[in-house]
C-alpha atoms as a PDB file:
ATOM      1  CA  UNK A   1       1.152  -0.497 -13.405  1.00  0.00           C
ATOM      2  CA  UNK A   2       1.411   3.677 -12.299  1.00  0.00           C
ATOM      3  CA  UNK A   3      -1.432   5.375 -11.315  1.00  0.00           C
ATOM      4  CA  UNK A   4      -2.223   8.256 -13.011  1.00  0.00           C
ATOM      5  CA  UNK A   5      -3.020  11.320 -10.374  1.00  0.00           C
ATOM      6  CA  UNK A   6      -5.385  12.951 -12.534  1.00  0.00           C
ATOM      7  CA  UNK A   7      -7.228  11.881 -16.221  1.00  0.00           C
ATOM      8  CA  UNK A   8     -10.009  14.142 -17.664  1.00  0.00           C
ATOM      9  CA  UNK A   9     -12.156  12.048 -18.753  1.00  0.00           C
ATOM     10  CA  UNK A  10     -14.526  13.756 -22.098  1.00  0.00           C
ATOM     11  CA  UNK A  11     -15.283  10.613 -23.522  1.00  0.00           C
ATOM     12  CA  UNK A  12     -18.412  10.317 -21.269  1.00  0.00           C
ATOM     13  CA  UNK A  13     -19.665  13.952 -23.014  1.00  0.00           C
ATOM     14  CA  UNK A  14     -18.824  16.059 -20.617  1.00  0.00           C
ATOM     15  CA  UNK A  15     -16.116  18.834 -20.040  1.00  0.00           C
ATOM     16  CA  UNK A  16     -15.619  18.769 -16.200  1.00  0.00           C
ATOM     17  CA  UNK A  17     -14.853  15.055 -15.238  1.00  0.00           C
ATOM     18  CA  UNK A  18     -11.764  14.545 -13.794  1.00  0.00           C
ATOM     19  CA  UNK A  19     -10.560  10.885 -12.238  1.00  0.00           C
ATOM     20  CA  UNK A  20      -8.484  10.462 -10.058  1.00  0.00           C
ATOM     21  CA  UNK A  21      -6.021   7.213  -9.340  1.00  0.00           C
ATOM     22  CA  UNK A  22      -6.673   5.579 -12.667  1.00  0.00           C
ATOM     23  CA  UNK A  23      -4.292   3.032 -13.852  1.00  0.00           C
ATOM     24  CA  UNK A  24      -1.551   2.863 -16.776  1.00  0.00           C
ATOM     25  CA  UNK A  25      -1.767  -0.494 -18.576  1.00  0.00           C
ATOM     26  CA  UNK A  26       0.873  -1.589 -21.146  1.00  0.00           C
ATOM     27  CA  UNK A  27      -1.007  -3.458 -23.845  1.00  0.00           C
ATOM     28  CA  UNK A  28       0.479  -6.135 -26.192  1.00  0.00           C
ATOM     29  CA  UNK A  29       1.955  -3.587 -28.730  1.00  0.00           C
ATOM     30  CA  UNK A  30       4.116  -2.600 -25.511  1.00  0.00           C
ATOM     31  CA  UNK A  31       1.871   0.714 -25.639  1.00  0.00           C
ATOM     32  CA  UNK A  32       1.205   2.887 -22.419  1.00  0.00           C
ATOM     33  CA  UNK A  33      -2.539   2.670 -22.185  1.00  0.00           C
ATOM     34  CA  UNK A  34      -5.367   3.469 -19.643  1.00  0.00           C
ATOM     35  CA  UNK A  35      -7.858   1.027 -18.301  1.00  0.00           C
ATOM     36  CA  UNK A  36     -11.202   2.011 -17.146  1.00  0.00           C
ATOM     37  CA  UNK A  37     -12.868  -1.281 -15.981  1.00  0.00           C
ATOM     38  CA  UNK A  38     -16.582  -0.915 -15.243  1.00  0.00           C
ATOM     39  CA  UNK A  39     -17.563   1.871 -16.950  1.00  0.00           C
ATOM     40  CA  UNK A  40     -21.127   1.509 -15.948  1.00  0.00           C
ATOM     41  CA  UNK A  41     -19.985   2.232 -12.413  1.00  0.00           C
ATOM     42  CA  UNK A  42     -17.979   5.077 -13.550  1.00  0.00           C
ATOM     43  CA  UNK A  43     -21.505   7.156 -15.018  1.00  0.00           C
ATOM     44  CA  UNK A  44     -23.596   5.690 -12.218  1.00  0.00           C
ATOM     45  CA  UNK A  45     -20.583   7.724  -9.932  1.00  0.00           C
ATOM     46  CA  UNK A  46     -21.039  10.971 -12.306  1.00  0.00           C
ATOM     47  CA  UNK A  47     -24.403  10.723 -12.337  1.00  0.00           C
ATOM     48  CA  UNK A  48     -24.557  10.893  -8.538  1.00  0.00           C
ATOM     49  CA  UNK A  49     -22.237  13.459  -8.433  1.00  0.00           C
ATOM     50  CA  UNK A  50     -24.778  15.535 -10.945  1.00  0.00           C
ATOM     51  CA  UNK A  51     -27.677  15.033  -8.719  1.00  0.00           C
ATOM     52  CA  UNK A  52     -25.613  15.874  -5.576  1.00  0.00           C
ATOM     53  CA  UNK A  53     -23.837  19.121  -7.116  1.00  0.00           C
ATOM     54  CA  UNK A  54     -24.930  22.123  -4.956  1.00  0.00           C
ATOM     55  CA  UNK A  55     -25.144  24.068  -7.971  1.00  0.00           C
ATOM     56  CA  UNK A  56     -27.392  24.422 -10.792  1.00  0.00           C
ATOM     57  CA  UNK A  57     -26.846  21.821 -13.053  1.00  0.00           C
ATOM     58  CA  UNK A  58     -25.083  22.458 -17.542  1.00  0.00           C
ATOM     59  CA  UNK A  59     -26.867  21.659 -20.373  1.00  0.00           C
ATOM     60  CA  UNK A  60     -24.739  18.816 -20.682  1.00  0.00           C
ATOM     61  CA  UNK A  61     -24.769  17.660 -17.570  1.00  0.00           C
ATOM     62  CA  UNK A  62     -28.863  17.442 -17.863  1.00  0.00           C
ATOM     63  CA  UNK A  63     -28.078  15.235 -21.214  1.00  0.00           C
ATOM     64  CA  UNK A  64     -25.634  12.645 -19.251  1.00  0.00           C
ATOM     65  CA  UNK A  65     -28.333  12.053 -16.672  1.00  0.00           C
ATOM     66  CA  UNK A  66     -31.183  11.957 -19.547  1.00  0.00           C
ATOM     67  CA  UNK A  67     -28.863   9.769 -21.683  1.00  0.00           C
ATOM     68  CA  UNK A  68     -27.818   7.700 -18.355  1.00  0.00           C
ATOM     69  CA  UNK A  69     -31.522   7.326 -17.405  1.00  0.00           C
ATOM     70  CA  UNK A  70     -32.218   6.148 -21.348  1.00  0.00           C
ATOM     71  CA  UNK A  71     -34.887   8.411 -22.079  1.00  0.00           C
ATOM     72  CA  UNK A  72     -35.282  11.083 -25.078  1.00  0.00           C
ATOM     73  CA  UNK A  73     -36.101  14.402 -24.875  1.00  0.00           C
ATOM     74  CA  UNK A  74     -39.514  14.134 -25.178  1.00  0.00           C
ATOM     75  CA  UNK A  75     -39.900  11.313 -22.651  1.00  0.00           C
ATOM     76  CA  UNK A  76     -37.756  13.334 -19.947  1.00  0.00           C
ATOM     77  CA  UNK A  77     -40.338  16.642 -21.091  1.00  0.00           C
ATOM     78  CA  UNK A  78     -43.599  14.490 -20.478  1.00  0.00           C
ATOM     79  CA  UNK A  79     -42.087  13.591 -17.237  1.00  0.00           C
ATOM     80  CA  UNK A  80     -41.434  17.234 -16.075  1.00  0.00           C
ATOM     81  CA  UNK A  81     -44.301  18.764 -18.274  1.00  0.00           C
ATOM     82  CA  UNK A  82     -42.392  20.609 -20.586  1.00  0.00           C
ATOM     83  CA  UNK A  83     -42.170  20.488 -24.462  1.00  0.00           C
ATOM     84  CA  UNK A  84     -39.165  18.659 -25.978  1.00  0.00           C
ATOM     85  CA  UNK A  85     -38.203  22.063 -27.419  1.00  0.00           C
ATOM     86  CA  UNK A  86     -37.462  23.162 -23.894  1.00  0.00           C
ATOM     87  CA  UNK A  87     -34.998  19.959 -23.078  1.00  0.00           C
ATOM     88  CA  UNK A  88     -33.455  20.826 -26.194  1.00  0.00           C
ATOM     89  CA  UNK A  89     -32.593  24.428 -25.650  1.00  0.00           C
ATOM     90  CA  UNK A  90     -31.689  23.476 -21.981  1.00  0.00           C
ATOM     91  CA  UNK A  91     -29.092  21.011 -23.562  1.00  0.00           C
ATOM     92  CA  UNK A  92     -27.332  22.936 -25.667  1.00  0.00           C
ATOM     93  CA  UNK A  93     -27.250  25.859 -22.885  1.00  0.00           C
ATOM     94  CA  UNK A  94     -29.451  28.195 -25.431  1.00  0.00           C
ATOM     95  CA  UNK A  95     -31.766  29.023 -22.434  1.00  0.00           C
ATOM     96  CA  UNK A  96     -30.718  27.982 -18.354  1.00  0.00           C
ATOM     97  CA  UNK A  97     -32.688  25.081 -17.261  1.00  0.00           C
ATOM     98  CA  UNK A  98     -35.944  26.344 -15.218  1.00  0.00           C
ATOM     99  CA  UNK A  99     -35.066  25.193 -11.461  1.00  0.00           C
ATOM    100  CA  UNK A 100     -37.949  23.869 -10.689  1.00  0.00           C
ATOM    101  CA  UNK A 101     -37.864  21.100 -13.528  1.00  0.00           C
ATOM    102  CA  UNK A 102     -34.035  20.772 -12.529  1.00  0.00           C
ATOM    103  CA  UNK A 103     -34.920  19.824  -8.716  1.00  0.00           C
ATOM    104  CA  UNK A 104     -37.687  17.375 -10.746  1.00  0.00           C
ATOM    105  CA  UNK A 105     -35.017  15.802 -12.827  1.00  0.00           C
ATOM    106  CA  UNK A 106     -32.500  15.361 -10.101  1.00  0.00           C
ATOM    107  CA  UNK A 107     -35.496  14.035  -7.983  1.00  0.00           C
ATOM    108  CA  UNK A 108     -36.276  11.549 -10.894  1.00  0.00           C
ATOM    109  CA  UNK A 109     -32.666  10.755 -11.818  1.00  0.00           C
ATOM    110  CA  UNK A 110     -32.304   9.370  -7.987  1.00  0.00           C
ATOM    111  CA  UNK A 111     -35.375   6.915  -8.531  1.00  0.00           C
ATOM    112  CA  UNK A 112     -34.899   5.750 -11.691  1.00  0.00           C
ATOM    113  CA  UNK A 113     -30.950   5.861 -11.692  1.00  0.00           C
ATOM    114  CA  UNK A 114     -31.253   4.256  -7.892  1.00  0.00           C
ATOM    115  CA  UNK A 115     -28.519   7.011  -6.472  1.00  0.00           C
ATOM    116  CA  UNK A 116     -28.087   7.518  -3.118  1.00  0.00           C
ATOM    117  CA  UNK A 117     -29.432  11.206  -2.152  1.00  0.00           C
ATOM    118  CA  UNK A 118     -30.134  12.136   1.627  1.00  0.00           C
ATOM    119  CA  UNK A 119     -31.115  15.464   1.171  1.00  0.00           C
ATOM    120  CA  UNK A 120     -34.349  17.432   1.500  1.00  0.00           C
ATOM    121  CA  UNK A 121     -36.670  18.176  -1.528  1.00  0.00           C
ATOM    122  CA  UNK A 122     -36.119  22.073  -0.272  1.00  0.00           C
ATOM    123  CA  UNK A 123     -32.081  21.248  -0.498  1.00  0.00           C
ATOM    124  CA  UNK A 124     -32.283  20.244  -3.886  1.00  0.00           C
ATOM    125  CA  UNK A 125     -34.385  22.965  -4.753  1.00  0.00           C
ATOM    126  CA  UNK A 126     -32.102  25.443  -3.410  1.00  0.00           C
ATOM    127  CA  UNK A 127     -29.015  23.473  -5.607  1.00  0.00           C
ATOM    128  CA  UNK A 128     -30.971  24.094  -8.787  1.00  0.00           C
ATOM    129  CA  UNK A 129     -30.045  27.411  -9.783  1.00  0.00           C
ATOM    130  CA  UNK A 130     -28.721  28.721 -12.713  1.00  0.00           C
ATOM    131  CA  UNK A 131     -24.726  29.145 -12.637  1.00  0.00           C
ATOM    132  CA  UNK A 132     -22.181  30.109 -15.023  1.00  0.00           C
ATOM    133  CA  UNK A 133     -19.592  28.505 -12.466  1.00  0.00           C
ATOM    134  CA  UNK A 134     -18.844  24.609 -14.184  1.00  0.00           C
ATOM    135  CA  UNK A 135     -17.568  22.912 -11.139  1.00  0.00           C
ATOM    136  CA  UNK A 136     -14.997  20.005 -11.812  1.00  0.00           C
ATOM    137  CA  UNK A 137     -16.730  16.319 -11.207  1.00  0.00           C
ATOM    138  CA  UNK A 138     -14.100  14.725  -9.509  1.00  0.00           C
ATOM    139  CA  UNK A 139     -14.602  10.674  -9.250  1.00  0.00           C
ATOM    140  CA  UNK A 140     -12.215   8.252  -7.199  1.00  0.00           C
ATOM    141  CA  UNK A 141     -10.554   5.787  -9.541  1.00  0.00           C
ATOM    142  CA  UNK A 142      -7.986   4.418  -7.244  1.00  0.00           C
ATOM    143  CA  UNK A 143     -10.500   0.803  -6.940  1.00  0.00           C
ATOM    144  CA  UNK A 144     -10.201  -0.542  -9.878  1.00  0.00           C
ATOM    145  CA  UNK A 145     -13.776  -1.306 -11.281  1.00  0.00           C
ATOM    146  CA  UNK A 146     -15.215   1.014  -8.278  1.00  0.00           C
ATOM    147  CA  UNK A 147     -15.758   4.712  -8.326  1.00  0.00           C
ATOM    148  CA  UNK A 148     -17.051   7.363  -5.952  1.00  0.00           C
ATOM    149  CA  UNK A 149     -17.195  10.871  -5.947  1.00  0.00           C
ATOM    150  CA  UNK A 150     -13.524  12.334  -4.899  1.00  0.00           C
ATOM    151  CA  UNK A 151     -13.810  14.131  -1.210  1.00  0.00           C
END
């Protein structure tokens, strides 16, 4: 087994997730493959990184959080008192995500996904500002099956 320094994990629907320390494995056919044990924990770490991001989330990040919460666009719209069409437009990046709605979505994701979030509503609200800067989400995957936001 050899560690990869970084793996661009696009399988989750996001373009900006990098997993560090993921392991190579040789399969029965002798091919070198990557294995990602405990995808649920990996997605939890990604959700945590999105909620803690100190810049506005992208439409794809919003869709990732919504699907991780197991919600339809209509269900999320009802929680934040918006029309489902607004959620759809935000997820497709047709319009910027409303900062008040994004703050509520982050707080709701924290509750539903049982994420650790030691930030005040004021801090979270300051993070929820639209930005064109899509920073990478860096995940430490050096301990198989355990994932955390890379420092």
